[in-house]
Every structure is written in C-alpha cells, then in structure tokens.
mmCIF file of all heavy atoms, coordinates in Angstrom:
data_MODEL
# 
_entry.id   MODEL 
# 
loop_
_atom_site.group_PDB 
_atom_site.id 
_atom_site.type_symbol 
_atom_site.label_atom_id 
_atom_site.label_alt_id 
_atom_site.label_comp_id 
_atom_site.label_asym_id 
_atom_site.label_entity_id 
_atom_site.label_seq_id 
_atom_site.pdbx_PDB_ins_code 
_atom_site.Cartn_x 
_atom_site.Cartn_y 
_atom_site.Cartn_z 
_atom_site.occupancy 
_atom_site.B_iso_or_equiv 
_atom_site.pdbx_formal_charge 
_atom_site.auth_seq_id 
_atom_site.auth_comp_id 
_atom_site.auth_asym_id 
_atom_site.auth_atom_id 
_atom_site.pdbx_PDB_model_num 
ATOM 1   N N   . LEU A 1 1  ? -10.698 -28.245 67.490 1.00 0.00 ? 1  LEU A N   1 
ATOM 2   C CA  . LEU A 1 1  ? -10.360 -27.111 66.617 1.00 0.00 ? 1  LEU A CA  1 
ATOM 3   C C   . LEU A 1 1  ? -9.464  -27.567 65.470 1.00 0.00 ? 1  LEU A C   1 
ATOM 4   O O   . LEU A 1 1  ? -9.644  -27.140 64.324 1.00 0.00 ? 1  LEU A O   1 
ATOM 5   C CB  . LEU A 1 1  ? -9.660  -26.007 67.420 1.00 0.00 ? 1  LEU A CB  1 
ATOM 6   C CG  . LEU A 1 1  ? -10.552 -25.152 68.301 1.00 0.00 ? 1  LEU A CG  1 
ATOM 7   C CD1 . LEU A 1 1  ? -9.703  -24.246 69.187 1.00 0.00 ? 1  LEU A CD1 1 
ATOM 8   C CD2 . LEU A 1 1  ? -11.518 -24.332 67.468 1.00 0.00 ? 1  LEU A CD2 1 
ATOM 9   N N   . LYS A 1 2  ? -8.516  -28.426 65.786 1.00 0.00 ? 2  LYS A N   1 
ATOM 10  C CA  . LYS A 1 2  ? -7.625  -28.966 64.761 1.00 0.00 ? 2  LYS A CA  1 
ATOM 11  C C   . LYS A 1 2  ? -8.424  -29.746 63.714 1.00 0.00 ? 2  LYS A C   1 
ATOM 12  O O   . LYS A 1 2  ? -8.204  -29.588 62.510 1.00 0.00 ? 2  LYS A O   1 
ATOM 13  C CB  . LYS A 1 2  ? -6.582  -29.866 65.426 1.00 0.00 ? 2  LYS A CB  1 
ATOM 14  C CG  . LYS A 1 2  ? -5.487  -30.341 64.529 1.00 0.00 ? 2  LYS A CG  1 
ATOM 15  C CD  . LYS A 1 2  ? -4.465  -31.125 65.347 1.00 0.00 ? 2  LYS A CD  1 
ATOM 16  C CE  . LYS A 1 2  ? -3.429  -31.765 64.456 1.00 0.00 ? 2  LYS A CE  1 
ATOM 17  N NZ  . LYS A 1 2  ? -2.476  -32.568 65.216 1.00 0.00 ? 2  LYS A NZ  1 
ATOM 18  N N   . MET A 1 3  ? -9.364  -30.563 64.172 1.00 0.00 ? 3  MET A N   1 
ATOM 19  C CA  . MET A 1 3  ? -10.215 -31.327 63.265 1.00 0.00 ? 3  MET A CA  1 
ATOM 20  C C   . MET A 1 3  ? -11.070 -30.392 62.408 1.00 0.00 ? 3  MET A C   1 
ATOM 21  O O   . MET A 1 3  ? -11.199 -30.588 61.191 1.00 0.00 ? 3  MET A O   1 
ATOM 22  C CB  . MET A 1 3  ? -11.115 -32.274 64.061 1.00 0.00 ? 3  MET A CB  1 
ATOM 23  C CG  . MET A 1 3  ? -12.147 -32.986 63.226 1.00 0.00 ? 3  MET A CG  1 
ATOM 24  S SD  . MET A 1 3  ? -11.455 -34.094 62.014 1.00 0.00 ? 3  MET A SD  1 
ATOM 25  C CE  . MET A 1 3  ? -11.139 -35.492 63.040 1.00 0.00 ? 3  MET A CE  1 
ATOM 26  N N   . ALA A 1 4  ? -11.641 -29.365 63.011 1.00 0.00 ? 4  ALA A N   1 
ATOM 27  C CA  . ALA A 1 4  ? -12.478 -28.414 62.278 1.00 0.00 ? 4  ALA A CA  1 
ATOM 28  C C   . ALA A 1 4  ? -11.661 -27.697 61.206 1.00 0.00 ? 4  ALA A C   1 
ATOM 29  O O   . ALA A 1 4  ? -12.135 -27.507 60.079 1.00 0.00 ? 4  ALA A O   1 
ATOM 30  C CB  . ALA A 1 4  ? -13.102 -27.406 63.243 1.00 0.00 ? 4  ALA A CB  1 
ATOM 31  N N   . ARG A 1 5  ? -10.434 -27.316 61.528 1.00 0.00 ? 5  ARG A N   1 
ATOM 32  C CA  . ARG A 1 5  ? -9.558  -26.665 60.541 1.00 0.00 ? 5  ARG A CA  1 
ATOM 33  C C   . ARG A 1 5  ? -9.241  -27.619 59.380 1.00 0.00 ? 5  ARG A C   1 
ATOM 34  O O   . ARG A 1 5  ? -9.207  -27.224 58.228 1.00 0.00 ? 5  ARG A O   1 
ATOM 35  C CB  . ARG A 1 5  ? -8.250  -26.217 61.195 1.00 0.00 ? 5  ARG A CB  1 
ATOM 36  C CG  . ARG A 1 5  ? -8.367  -24.946 61.934 1.00 0.00 ? 5  ARG A CG  1 
ATOM 37  C CD  . ARG A 1 5  ? -8.328  -23.753 60.990 1.00 0.00 ? 5  ARG A CD  1 
ATOM 38  N NE  . ARG A 1 5  ? -8.766  -22.581 61.709 1.00 0.00 ? 5  ARG A NE  1 
ATOM 39  C CZ  . ARG A 1 5  ? -9.554  -21.662 61.197 1.00 0.00 ? 5  ARG A CZ  1 
ATOM 40  N NH1 . ARG A 1 5  ? -9.992  -21.769 59.974 1.00 0.00 ? 5  ARG A NH1 1 
ATOM 41  N NH2 . ARG A 1 5  ? -9.911  -20.622 61.903 1.00 0.00 ? 5  ARG A NH2 1 
ATOM 42  N N   . SER A 1 6  ? -9.026  -28.881 59.709 1.00 0.00 ? 6  SER A N   1 
ATOM 43  C CA  . SER A 1 6  ? -8.750  -29.882 58.669 1.00 0.00 ? 6  SER A CA  1 
ATOM 44  C C   . SER A 1 6  ? -9.950  -30.054 57.749 1.00 0.00 ? 6  SER A C   1 
ATOM 45  O O   . SER A 1 6  ? -9.797  -30.124 56.522 1.00 0.00 ? 6  SER A O   1 
ATOM 46  C CB  . SER A 1 6  ? -8.398  -31.232 59.296 1.00 0.00 ? 6  SER A CB  1 
ATOM 47  O OG  . SER A 1 6  ? -7.209  -31.145 60.019 1.00 0.00 ? 6  SER A OG  1 
ATOM 48  N N   . VAL A 1 7  ? -11.123 -30.104 58.323 1.00 0.00 ? 7  VAL A N   1 
ATOM 49  C CA  . VAL A 1 7  ? -12.356 -30.231 57.526 1.00 0.00 ? 7  VAL A CA  1 
ATOM 50  C C   . VAL A 1 7  ? -12.519 -29.025 56.619 1.00 0.00 ? 7  VAL A C   1 
ATOM 51  O O   . VAL A 1 7  ? -12.828 -29.156 55.431 1.00 0.00 ? 7  VAL A O   1 
ATOM 52  C CB  . VAL A 1 7  ? -13.587 -30.403 58.448 1.00 0.00 ? 7  VAL A CB  1 
ATOM 53  C CG1 . VAL A 1 7  ? -14.882 -30.251 57.672 1.00 0.00 ? 7  VAL A CG1 1 
ATOM 54  C CG2 . VAL A 1 7  ? -13.535 -31.749 59.151 1.00 0.00 ? 7  VAL A CG2 1 
ATOM 55  N N   . GLU A 1 8  ? -12.283 -27.845 57.164 1.00 0.00 ? 8  GLU A N   1 
ATOM 56  C CA  . GLU A 1 8  ? -12.407 -26.615 56.366 1.00 0.00 ? 8  GLU A CA  1 
ATOM 57  C C   . GLU A 1 8  ? -11.421 -26.626 55.203 1.00 0.00 ? 8  GLU A C   1 
ATOM 58  O O   . GLU A 1 8  ? -11.766 -26.291 54.072 1.00 0.00 ? 8  GLU A O   1 
ATOM 59  C CB  . GLU A 1 8  ? -12.178 -25.391 57.269 1.00 0.00 ? 8  GLU A CB  1 
ATOM 60  C CG  . GLU A 1 8  ? -12.529 -24.065 56.636 1.00 0.00 ? 8  GLU A CG  1 
ATOM 61  C CD  . GLU A 1 8  ? -11.395 -23.457 55.834 1.00 0.00 ? 8  GLU A CD  1 
ATOM 62  O OE1 . GLU A 1 8  ? -10.223 -23.758 56.133 1.00 0.00 ? 8  GLU A OE1 1 
ATOM 63  O OE2 . GLU A 1 8  ? -11.674 -22.691 54.897 1.00 0.00 ? 8  GLU A OE2 1 
ATOM 64  N N   . THR A 1 9  ? -10.200 -27.069 55.451 1.00 0.00 ? 9  THR A N   1 
ATOM 65  C CA  . THR A 1 9  ? -9.183  -27.135 54.397 1.00 0.00 ? 9  THR A CA  1 
ATOM 66  C C   . THR A 1 9  ? -9.572  -28.143 53.322 1.00 0.00 ? 9  THR A C   1 
ATOM 67  O O   . THR A 1 9  ? -9.450  -27.860 52.120 1.00 0.00 ? 9  THR A O   1 
ATOM 68  C CB  . THR A 1 9  ? -7.810  -27.503 54.999 1.00 0.00 ? 9  THR A CB  1 
ATOM 69  O OG1 . THR A 1 9  ? -7.445  -26.506 55.957 1.00 0.00 ? 9  THR A OG1 1 
ATOM 70  C CG2 . THR A 1 9  ? -6.743  -27.606 53.936 1.00 0.00 ? 9  THR A CG2 1 
ATOM 71  N N   . ILE A 1 10 ? -10.043 -29.297 53.734 1.00 0.00 ? 10 ILE A N   1 
ATOM 72  C CA  . ILE A 1 10 ? -10.458 -30.321 52.764 1.00 0.00 ? 10 ILE A CA  1 
ATOM 73  C C   . ILE A 1 10 ? -11.613 -29.798 51.912 1.00 0.00 ? 10 ILE A C   1 
ATOM 74  O O   . ILE A 1 10 ? -11.607 -29.955 50.678 1.00 0.00 ? 10 ILE A O   1 
ATOM 75  C CB  . ILE A 1 10 ? -10.844 -31.634 53.474 1.00 0.00 ? 10 ILE A CB  1 
ATOM 76  C CG1 . ILE A 1 10 ? -9.578  -32.294 54.025 1.00 0.00 ? 10 ILE A CG1 1 
ATOM 77  C CG2 . ILE A 1 10 ? -11.586 -32.580 52.538 1.00 0.00 ? 10 ILE A CG2 1 
ATOM 78  C CD1 . ILE A 1 10 ? -9.829  -33.431 54.986 1.00 0.00 ? 10 ILE A CD1 1 
ATOM 79  N N   . LEU A 1 11 ? -12.598 -29.194 52.542 1.00 0.00 ? 11 LEU A N   1 
ATOM 80  C CA  . LEU A 1 11 ? -13.716 -28.631 51.779 1.00 0.00 ? 11 LEU A CA  1 
ATOM 81  C C   . LEU A 1 11 ? -13.217 -27.604 50.763 1.00 0.00 ? 11 LEU A C   1 
ATOM 82  O O   . LEU A 1 11 ? -13.588 -27.637 49.599 1.00 0.00 ? 11 LEU A O   1 
ATOM 83  C CB  . LEU A 1 11 ? -14.724 -27.946 52.714 1.00 0.00 ? 11 LEU A CB  1 
ATOM 84  C CG  . LEU A 1 11 ? -15.705 -28.828 53.447 1.00 0.00 ? 11 LEU A CG  1 
ATOM 85  C CD1 . LEU A 1 11 ? -16.487 -28.000 54.462 1.00 0.00 ? 11 LEU A CD1 1 
ATOM 86  C CD2 . LEU A 1 11 ? -16.653 -29.508 52.487 1.00 0.00 ? 11 LEU A CD2 1 
ATOM 87  N N   . ARG A 1 12 ? -12.373 -26.708 51.222 1.00 0.00 ? 12 ARG A N   1 
ATOM 88  C CA  . ARG A 1 12 ? -11.889 -25.607 50.381 1.00 0.00 ? 12 ARG A CA  1 
ATOM 89  C C   . ARG A 1 12 ? -10.997 -26.087 49.244 1.00 0.00 ? 12 ARG A C   1 
ATOM 90  O O   . ARG A 1 12 ? -11.066 -25.573 48.126 1.00 0.00 ? 12 ARG A O   1 
ATOM 91  C CB  . ARG A 1 12 ? -11.134 -24.597 51.257 1.00 0.00 ? 12 ARG A CB  1 
ATOM 92  C CG  . ARG A 1 12 ? -10.718 -23.341 50.554 1.00 0.00 ? 12 ARG A CG  1 
ATOM 93  C CD  . ARG A 1 12 ? -10.175 -22.277 51.504 1.00 0.00 ? 12 ARG A CD  1 
ATOM 94  N NE  . ARG A 1 12 ? -9.645  -22.748 52.764 1.00 0.00 ? 12 ARG A NE  1 
ATOM 95  C CZ  . ARG A 1 12 ? -8.391  -23.147 52.963 1.00 0.00 ? 12 ARG A CZ  1 
ATOM 96  N NH1 . ARG A 1 12 ? -7.531  -23.173 51.972 1.00 0.00 ? 12 ARG A NH1 1 
ATOM 97  N NH2 . ARG A 1 12 ? -7.988  -23.537 54.159 1.00 0.00 ? 12 ARG A NH2 1 
ATOM 98  N N   . GLU A 1 13 ? -10.158 -27.093 49.497 1.00 0.00 ? 13 GLU A N   1 
ATOM 99  C CA  . GLU A 1 13 ? -9.152  -27.487 48.512 1.00 0.00 ? 13 GLU A CA  1 
ATOM 100 C C   . GLU A 1 13 ? -9.501  -28.730 47.700 1.00 0.00 ? 13 GLU A C   1 
ATOM 101 O O   . GLU A 1 13 ? -8.876  -28.970 46.670 1.00 0.00 ? 13 GLU A O   1 
ATOM 102 C CB  . GLU A 1 13 ? -7.811  -27.717 49.219 1.00 0.00 ? 13 GLU A CB  1 
ATOM 103 C CG  . GLU A 1 13 ? -7.237  -26.458 49.823 1.00 0.00 ? 13 GLU A CG  1 
ATOM 104 C CD  . GLU A 1 13 ? -5.925  -26.697 50.552 1.00 0.00 ? 13 GLU A CD  1 
ATOM 105 O OE1 . GLU A 1 13 ? -5.486  -27.866 50.641 1.00 0.00 ? 13 GLU A OE1 1 
ATOM 106 O OE2 . GLU A 1 13 ? -5.345  -25.717 51.035 1.00 0.00 ? 13 GLU A OE2 1 
ATOM 107 N N   . SER A 1 14 ? -10.465 -29.525 48.147 1.00 0.00 ? 14 SER A N   1 
ATOM 108 C CA  . SER A 1 14 ? -10.675 -30.817 47.494 1.00 0.00 ? 14 SER A CA  1 
ATOM 109 C C   . SER A 1 14 ? -12.074 -31.068 46.942 1.00 0.00 ? 14 SER A C   1 
ATOM 110 O O   . SER A 1 14 ? -12.251 -31.977 46.144 1.00 0.00 ? 14 SER A O   1 
ATOM 111 C CB  . SER A 1 14 ? -10.358 -31.950 48.480 1.00 0.00 ? 14 SER A CB  1 
ATOM 112 O OG  . SER A 1 14 ? -9.036  -31.821 48.948 1.00 0.00 ? 14 SER A OG  1 
ATOM 113 N N   . VAL A 1 15 ? -13.057 -30.311 47.356 1.00 0.00 ? 15 VAL A N   1 
ATOM 114 C CA  . VAL A 1 15 ? -14.428 -30.590 46.940 1.00 0.00 ? 15 VAL A CA  1 
ATOM 115 C C   . VAL A 1 15 ? -14.770 -29.818 45.675 1.00 0.00 ? 15 VAL A C   1 
ATOM 116 O O   . VAL A 1 15 ? -14.533 -28.623 45.582 1.00 0.00 ? 15 VAL A O   1 
ATOM 117 C CB  . VAL A 1 15 ? -15.433 -30.242 48.066 1.00 0.00 ? 15 VAL A CB  1 
ATOM 118 C CG1 . VAL A 1 15 ? -16.869 -30.427 47.604 1.00 0.00 ? 15 VAL A CG1 1 
ATOM 119 C CG2 . VAL A 1 15 ? -15.152 -31.102 49.289 1.00 0.00 ? 15 VAL A CG2 1 
ATOM 120 N N   . LEU A 1 16 ? -15.320 -30.545 44.710 1.00 0.00 ? 16 LEU A N   1 
ATOM 121 C CA  . LEU A 1 16 ? -15.765 -29.954 43.448 1.00 0.00 ? 16 LEU A CA  1 
ATOM 122 C C   . LEU A 1 16 ? -17.275 -30.061 43.344 1.00 0.00 ? 16 LEU A C   1 
ATOM 123 O O   . LEU A 1 16 ? -17.863 -31.041 43.788 1.00 0.00 ? 16 LEU A O   1 
ATOM 124 C CB  . LEU A 1 16 ? -15.172 -30.705 42.258 1.00 0.00 ? 16 LEU A CB  1 
ATOM 125 C CG  . LEU A 1 16 ? -13.690 -30.558 42.006 1.00 0.00 ? 16 LEU A CG  1 
ATOM 126 C CD1 . LEU A 1 16 ? -13.258 -31.509 40.906 1.00 0.00 ? 16 LEU A CD1 1 
ATOM 127 C CD2 . LEU A 1 16 ? -13.352 -29.136 41.621 1.00 0.00 ? 16 LEU A CD2 1 
ATOM 128 N N   . GLN A 1 17 ? -17.890 -29.093 42.707 1.00 0.00 ? 17 GLN A N   1 
ATOM 129 C CA  . GLN A 1 17 ? -19.315 -29.179 42.420 1.00 0.00 ? 17 GLN A CA  1 
ATOM 130 C C   . GLN A 1 17 ? -19.501 -29.856 41.077 1.00 0.00 ? 17 GLN A C   1 
ATOM 131 O O   . GLN A 1 17 ? -18.882 -29.479 40.084 1.00 0.00 ? 17 GLN A O   1 
ATOM 132 C CB  . GLN A 1 17 ? -19.949 -27.795 42.361 1.00 0.00 ? 17 GLN A CB  1 
ATOM 133 C CG  . GLN A 1 17 ? -20.422 -27.271 43.669 1.00 0.00 ? 17 GLN A CG  1 
ATOM 134 C CD  . GLN A 1 17 ? -21.250 -26.020 43.475 1.00 0.00 ? 17 GLN A CD  1 
ATOM 135 O OE1 . GLN A 1 17 ? -20.870 -25.122 42.746 1.00 0.00 ? 17 GLN A OE1 1 
ATOM 136 N NE2 . GLN A 1 17 ? -22.380 -25.978 44.139 1.00 0.00 ? 17 GLN A NE2 1 
ATOM 137 N N   . VAL A 1 18 ? -20.367 -30.861 41.067 1.00 0.00 ? 18 VAL A N   1 
ATOM 138 C CA  . VAL A 1 18 ? -20.682 -31.581 39.837 1.00 0.00 ? 18 VAL A CA  1 
ATOM 139 C C   . VAL A 1 18 ? -22.191 -31.660 39.744 1.00 0.00 ? 18 VAL A C   1 
ATOM 140 O O   . VAL A 1 18 ? -22.873 -31.974 40.714 1.00 0.00 ? 18 VAL A O   1 
ATOM 141 C CB  . VAL A 1 18 ? -20.072 -33.006 39.858 1.00 0.00 ? 18 VAL A CB  1 
ATOM 142 C CG1 . VAL A 1 18 ? -20.430 -33.764 38.602 1.00 0.00 ? 18 VAL A CG1 1 
ATOM 143 C CG2 . VAL A 1 18 ? -18.564 -32.938 40.015 1.00 0.00 ? 18 VAL A CG2 1 
ATOM 144 N N   . GLU A 1 19 ? -22.719 -31.362 38.559 1.00 0.00 ? 19 GLU A N   1 
ATOM 145 C CA  . GLU A 1 19 ? -24.161 -31.388 38.360 1.00 0.00 ? 19 GLU A CA  1 
ATOM 146 C C   . GLU A 1 19 ? -24.508 -32.417 37.293 1.00 0.00 ? 19 GLU A C   1 
ATOM 147 O O   . GLU A 1 19 ? -23.898 -32.443 36.219 1.00 0.00 ? 19 GLU A O   1 
ATOM 148 C CB  . GLU A 1 19 ? -24.643 -30.004 37.937 1.00 0.00 ? 19 GLU A CB  1 
ATOM 149 C CG  . GLU A 1 19 ? -26.125 -29.900 37.761 1.00 0.00 ? 19 GLU A CG  1 
ATOM 150 C CD  . GLU A 1 19 ? -26.553 -28.513 37.317 1.00 0.00 ? 19 GLU A CD  1 
ATOM 151 O OE1 . GLU A 1 19 ? -25.731 -27.581 37.336 1.00 0.00 ? 19 GLU A OE1 1 
ATOM 152 O OE2 . GLU A 1 19 ? -27.724 -28.381 36.943 1.00 0.00 ? 19 GLU A OE2 1 
ATOM 153 N N   . HIS A 1 20 ? -25.463 -33.248 37.605 1.00 0.00 ? 20 HIS A N   1 
ATOM 154 C CA  . HIS A 1 20 ? -25.940 -34.243 36.643 1.00 0.00 ? 20 HIS A CA  1 
ATOM 155 C C   . HIS A 1 20 ? -26.900 -33.520 35.706 1.00 0.00 ? 20 HIS A C   1 
ATOM 156 O O   . HIS A 1 20 ? -27.972 -33.080 36.116 1.00 0.00 ? 20 HIS A O   1 
ATOM 157 C CB  . HIS A 1 20 ? -26.644 -35.377 37.388 1.00 0.00 ? 20 HIS A CB  1 
ATOM 158 C CG  . HIS A 1 20 ? -26.991 -36.521 36.526 1.00 0.00 ? 20 HIS A CG  1 
ATOM 159 N ND1 . HIS A 1 20 ? -28.259 -36.732 36.067 1.00 0.00 ? 20 HIS A ND1 1 
ATOM 160 C CD2 . HIS A 1 20 ? -26.229 -37.515 36.015 1.00 0.00 ? 20 HIS A CD2 1 
ATOM 161 C CE1 . HIS A 1 20 ? -28.281 -37.813 35.317 1.00 0.00 ? 20 HIS A CE1 1 
ATOM 162 N NE2 . HIS A 1 20 ? -27.057 -38.303 35.275 1.00 0.00 ? 20 HIS A NE2 1 
ATOM 163 N N   . VAL A 1 21 ? -26.535 -33.388 34.416 1.00 0.00 ? 21 VAL A N   1 
ATOM 164 C CA  . VAL A 1 21 ? -27.356 -32.607 33.487 1.00 0.00 ? 21 VAL A CA  1 
ATOM 165 C C   . VAL A 1 21 ? -28.146 -33.460 32.491 1.00 0.00 ? 21 VAL A C   1 
ATOM 166 O O   . VAL A 1 21 ? -29.199 -33.041 32.028 1.00 0.00 ? 21 VAL A O   1 
ATOM 167 C CB  . VAL A 1 21 ? -26.508 -31.564 32.727 1.00 0.00 ? 21 VAL A CB  1 
ATOM 168 C CG1 . VAL A 1 21 ? -26.069 -30.462 33.670 1.00 0.00 ? 21 VAL A CG1 1 
ATOM 169 C CG2 . VAL A 1 21 ? -25.320 -32.175 32.030 1.00 0.00 ? 21 VAL A CG2 1 
ATOM 170 N N   . GLU A 1 22 ? -27.627 -34.605 32.140 1.00 0.00 ? 22 GLU A N   1 
ATOM 171 C CA  . GLU A 1 22 ? -28.322 -35.513 31.226 1.00 0.00 ? 22 GLU A CA  1 
ATOM 172 C C   . GLU A 1 22 ? -28.034 -36.936 31.641 1.00 0.00 ? 22 GLU A C   1 
ATOM 173 O O   . GLU A 1 22 ? -27.328 -37.186 32.611 1.00 0.00 ? 22 GLU A O   1 
ATOM 174 C CB  . GLU A 1 22 ? -27.856 -35.281 29.783 1.00 0.00 ? 22 GLU A CB  1 
ATOM 175 C CG  . GLU A 1 22 ? -28.313 -33.961 29.176 1.00 0.00 ? 22 GLU A CG  1 
ATOM 176 C CD  . GLU A 1 22 ? -27.784 -33.767 27.771 1.00 0.00 ? 22 GLU A CD  1 
ATOM 177 O OE1 . GLU A 1 22 ? -27.425 -34.764 27.115 1.00 0.00 ? 22 GLU A OE1 1 
ATOM 178 O OE2 . GLU A 1 22 ? -27.711 -32.605 27.342 1.00 0.00 ? 22 GLU A OE2 1 
ATOM 179 N N   . GLU A 1 23 ? -28.556 -37.896 30.858 1.00 0.00 ? 23 GLU A N   1 
ATOM 180 C CA  . GLU A 1 23 ? -28.409 -39.315 31.175 1.00 0.00 ? 23 GLU A CA  1 
ATOM 181 C C   . GLU A 1 23 ? -26.969 -39.690 31.501 1.00 0.00 ? 23 GLU A C   1 
ATOM 182 O O   . GLU A 1 23 ? -26.681 -40.189 32.561 1.00 0.00 ? 23 GLU A O   1 
ATOM 183 C CB  . GLU A 1 23 ? -28.922 -40.164 29.997 1.00 0.00 ? 23 GLU A CB  1 
ATOM 184 C CG  . GLU A 1 23 ? -28.751 -41.654 30.172 1.00 0.00 ? 23 GLU A CG  1 
ATOM 185 C CD  . GLU A 1 23 ? -29.565 -42.237 31.316 1.00 0.00 ? 23 GLU A CD  1 
ATOM 186 O OE1 . GLU A 1 23 ? -30.620 -41.678 31.650 1.00 0.00 ? 23 GLU A OE1 1 
ATOM 187 O OE2 . GLU A 1 23 ? -29.131 -43.258 31.874 1.00 0.00 ? 23 GLU A OE2 1 
ATOM 188 N N   . ASN A 1 24 ? -26.055 -39.477 30.614 1.00 0.00 ? 24 ASN A N   1 
ATOM 189 C CA  . ASN A 1 24 ? -24.649 -39.830 30.841 1.00 0.00 ? 24 ASN A CA  1 
ATOM 190 C C   . ASN A 1 24 ? -23.753 -38.604 30.758 1.00 0.00 ? 24 ASN A C   1 
ATOM 191 O O   . ASN A 1 24 ? -22.663 -38.654 30.197 1.00 0.00 ? 24 ASN A O   1 
ATOM 192 C CB  . ASN A 1 24 ? -24.189 -40.881 29.816 1.00 0.00 ? 24 ASN A CB  1 
ATOM 193 C CG  . ASN A 1 24 ? -24.846 -42.216 30.056 1.00 0.00 ? 24 ASN A CG  1 
ATOM 194 O OD1 . ASN A 1 24 ? -24.908 -42.678 31.192 1.00 0.00 ? 24 ASN A OD1 1 
ATOM 195 N ND2 . ASN A 1 24 ? -25.356 -42.820 29.006 1.00 0.00 ? 24 ASN A ND2 1 
ATOM 196 N N   . LYS A 1 25 ? -24.229 -37.512 31.314 1.00 0.00 ? 25 LYS A N   1 
ATOM 197 C CA  . LYS A 1 25 ? -23.478 -36.271 31.192 1.00 0.00 ? 25 LYS A CA  1 
ATOM 198 C C   . LYS A 1 25 ? -23.513 -35.506 32.518 1.00 0.00 ? 25 LYS A C   1 
ATOM 199 O O   . LYS A 1 25 ? -24.555 -35.370 33.138 1.00 0.00 ? 25 LYS A O   1 
ATOM 200 C CB  . LYS A 1 25 ? -24.116 -35.422 30.094 1.00 0.00 ? 25 LYS A CB  1 
ATOM 201 C CG  . LYS A 1 25 ? -23.267 -34.296 29.605 1.00 0.00 ? 25 LYS A CG  1 
ATOM 202 C CD  . LYS A 1 25 ? -23.944 -33.643 28.416 1.00 0.00 ? 25 LYS A CD  1 
ATOM 203 C CE  . LYS A 1 25 ? -23.029 -32.684 27.741 1.00 0.00 ? 25 LYS A CE  1 
ATOM 204 N NZ  . LYS A 1 25 ? -23.660 -32.045 26.598 1.00 0.00 ? 25 LYS A NZ  1 
ATOM 205 N N   . ILE A 1 26 ? -22.333 -35.047 32.928 1.00 0.00 ? 26 ILE A N   1 
ATOM 206 C CA  . ILE A 1 26 ? -22.244 -34.224 34.133 1.00 0.00 ? 26 ILE A CA  1 
ATOM 207 C C   . ILE A 1 26 ? -21.549 -32.917 33.792 1.00 0.00 ? 26 ILE A C   1 
ATOM 208 O O   . ILE A 1 26 ? -20.789 -32.827 32.827 1.00 0.00 ? 26 ILE A O   1 
ATOM 209 C CB  . ILE A 1 26 ? -21.476 -34.941 35.271 1.00 0.00 ? 26 ILE A CB  1 
ATOM 210 C CG1 . ILE A 1 26 ? -20.059 -35.285 34.853 1.00 0.00 ? 26 ILE A CG1 1 
ATOM 211 C CG2 . ILE A 1 26 ? -22.239 -36.150 35.761 1.00 0.00 ? 26 ILE A CG2 1 
ATOM 212 C CD1 . ILE A 1 26 ? -19.197 -35.794 35.985 1.00 0.00 ? 26 ILE A CD1 1 
ATOM 213 N N   . LEU A 1 27 ? -21.826 -31.916 34.580 1.00 0.00 ? 27 LEU A N   1 
ATOM 214 C CA  . LEU A 1 27 ? -21.216 -30.600 34.412 1.00 0.00 ? 27 LEU A CA  1 
ATOM 215 C C   . LEU A 1 27 ? -20.334 -30.339 35.623 1.00 0.00 ? 27 LEU A C   1 
ATOM 216 O O   . LEU A 1 27 ? -20.802 -30.350 36.760 1.00 0.00 ? 27 LEU A O   1 
ATOM 217 C CB  . LEU A 1 27 ? -22.298 -29.523 34.302 1.00 0.00 ? 27 LEU A CB  1 
ATOM 218 C CG  . LEU A 1 27 ? -21.829 -28.074 34.255 1.00 0.00 ? 27 LEU A CG  1 
ATOM 219 C CD1 . LEU A 1 27 ? -21.023 -27.831 32.981 1.00 0.00 ? 27 LEU A CD1 1 
ATOM 220 C CD2 . LEU A 1 27 ? -23.012 -27.143 34.323 1.00 0.00 ? 27 LEU A CD2 1 
ATOM 221 N N   . LEU A 1 28 ? -19.063 -30.144 35.388 1.00 0.00 ? 28 LEU A N   1 
ATOM 222 C CA  . LEU A 1 28 ? -18.098 -29.873 36.449 1.00 0.00 ? 28 LEU A CA  1 
ATOM 223 C C   . LEU A 1 28 ? -17.985 -28.365 36.616 1.00 0.00 ? 28 LEU A C   1 
ATOM 224 O O   . LEU A 1 28 ? -17.780 -27.648 35.640 1.00 0.00 ? 28 LEU A O   1 
ATOM 225 C CB  . LEU A 1 28 ? -16.741 -30.477 36.077 1.00 0.00 ? 28 LEU A CB  1 
ATOM 226 C CG  . LEU A 1 28 ? -15.589 -30.251 37.028 1.00 0.00 ? 28 LEU A CG  1 
ATOM 227 C CD1 . LEU A 1 28 ? -15.878 -30.925 38.358 1.00 0.00 ? 28 LEU A CD1 1 
ATOM 228 C CD2 . LEU A 1 28 ? -14.312 -30.800 36.438 1.00 0.00 ? 28 LEU A CD2 1 
# 
C-alpha cells in the first residue's frame, strides 16, 4: 500500500504529457 501511494504521488506530481508534433518539435 505504501508503494502504491508513492507511485500515485509520483504520477500525479512528476509526470508530464509531451507530444511529438514535428521533426524537432514537441508539445508540452
């Protein structure tokens, strides 16, 4: 449970969505 809570916190606070839109361009 402690590990699952840590994973949930990391996902919520640290993960960003980035999309590759062109050759050398990403969208944050």
